[in-house]
């Protein structure tokens, strides 16, 4: 199971590109500061697909429902790729 920071971020970006599955996303620069809402304008179904693929890749320690349910709506709206990366890293190390 990959666990270093760069491989986690690379995997998250790969999964985002697969989930969005539109031509523009392939050339869009995605990094830790990229916002799911403002920059990528993801639909909730796309975020669900991202969560499922990351759980398949990194394991069942990732519980996105619990993670998201602990946040306010404003926190969820402002989520970045880096926030997701930190969550994944913290939970695959646990």
Protein backbone atom coordinates (compact mmCIF):
# COMPACT_ATOMS: atom_id res chain seq x y z
CA UNK A 1 0.00 0.00 0.00
CA UNK A 2 1.58 3.28 -1.05
CA UNK A 3 1.97 5.68 1.81
CA UNK A 4 4.39 8.45 1.00
CA UNK A 5 2.98 11.90 0.49
CA UNK A 6 3.77 12.31 -3.20
CA UNK A 7 2.32 8.91 -4.14
CA UNK A 8 -0.88 9.68 -2.21
CA UNK A 9 -1.31 13.02 -3.98
CA UNK A 10 -0.54 11.44 -7.36
CA UNK A 11 -3.12 8.71 -6.76
CA UNK A 12 -5.77 11.24 -5.69
CA UNK A 13 -5.14 13.32 -8.82
CA UNK A 14 -5.33 10.19 -11.01
CA UNK A 15 -8.64 9.20 -9.41
CA UNK A 16 -10.05 12.73 -9.84
CA UNK A 17 -9.18 12.68 -13.54
CA UNK A 18 -10.87 9.27 -13.93
CA UNK A 19 -13.98 10.31 -12.00
CA UNK A 20 -14.51 13.54 -13.92
CA UNK A 21 -13.83 11.77 -17.23
CA UNK A 22 -14.05 14.89 -19.39
CA UNK A 23 -11.46 16.12 -21.86
CA UNK A 24 -10.71 19.39 -20.03
CA UNK A 25 -9.65 17.63 -16.80
CA UNK A 26 -6.72 15.86 -18.48
CA UNK A 27 -4.90 19.17 -19.03
CA UNK A 28 -6.15 20.96 -15.92
CA UNK A 29 -3.41 21.55 -13.36
CA UNK A 30 -4.45 19.87 -10.13
CA UNK A 31 -2.42 20.26 -6.95
CA UNK A 32 -2.96 20.32 -3.19
CA UNK A 33 -4.52 23.80 -3.35
CA UNK A 34 -7.13 22.84 -5.93
CA UNK A 35 -10.66 23.26 -4.58
CA UNK A 36 -13.22 20.57 -5.33
CA UNK A 37 -16.01 23.14 -5.46
CA UNK A 38 -14.52 26.35 -6.85
CA UNK A 39 -11.86 24.96 -9.18
CA UNK A 40 -13.17 21.56 -10.26
CA UNK A 41 -16.89 22.19 -9.74
CA UNK A 42 -17.43 18.54 -8.90
CA UNK A 43 -20.87 17.05 -8.68
CA UNK A 44 -21.57 15.06 -5.52
CA UNK A 45 -21.72 11.83 -7.51
CA UNK A 46 -18.18 12.46 -8.77
CA UNK A 47 -16.96 12.97 -5.21
CA UNK A 48 -18.64 9.71 -4.18
CA UNK A 49 -16.83 7.93 -7.02
CA UNK A 50 -13.52 9.46 -5.93
CA UNK A 51 -14.12 8.32 -2.35
CA UNK A 52 -14.98 4.78 -3.45
CA UNK A 53 -11.91 4.47 -5.68
CA UNK A 54 -9.60 5.82 -2.97
CA UNK A 55 -11.07 3.39 -0.45
CA UNK A 56 -10.50 0.53 -2.89
CA UNK A 57 -6.91 1.64 -3.42
CA UNK A 58 -5.90 2.57 0.14
CA UNK A 59 -8.17 0.32 2.19
CA UNK A 60 -11.15 0.34 4.46
CA UNK A 61 -9.57 2.63 7.05
CA UNK A 62 -10.88 5.50 4.96
CA UNK A 63 -14.37 6.33 6.14
CA UNK A 64 -15.42 9.32 4.09
CA UNK A 65 -18.93 9.43 5.54
CA UNK A 66 -17.61 9.87 9.08
CA UNK A 67 -15.01 12.39 7.90
CA UNK A 68 -17.47 14.54 5.99
CA UNK A 69 -20.17 14.29 8.65
CA UNK A 70 -17.81 15.90 11.16
CA UNK A 71 -17.62 19.05 8.99
CA UNK A 72 -19.83 22.07 8.57
CA UNK A 73 -21.30 22.80 5.15
CA UNK A 74 -18.80 25.65 4.69
CA UNK A 75 -15.91 23.28 5.42
CA UNK A 76 -17.20 20.76 2.89
CA UNK A 77 -17.64 23.45 0.25
CA UNK A 78 -14.08 24.68 0.79
CA UNK A 79 -12.43 21.23 0.67
CA UNK A 80 -9.21 21.05 -1.32
CA UNK A 81 -7.25 18.19 -2.79
CA UNK A 82 -4.70 18.82 -0.01
CA UNK A 83 -7.39 18.34 2.66
CA UNK A 84 -8.26 15.00 1.11
CA UNK A 85 -4.58 14.08 0.87
CA UNK A 86 -4.04 14.82 4.59
CA UNK A 87 -7.09 12.76 5.51
CA UNK A 88 -5.85 9.78 3.46
CA UNK A 89 -2.29 9.99 4.84
CA UNK A 90 -3.50 10.29 8.45
CA UNK A 91 -5.75 7.26 8.07
CA UNK A 92 -3.46 4.91 6.19
CA UNK A 93 -0.82 5.48 8.89
CA UNK A 94 -3.24 4.80 11.75
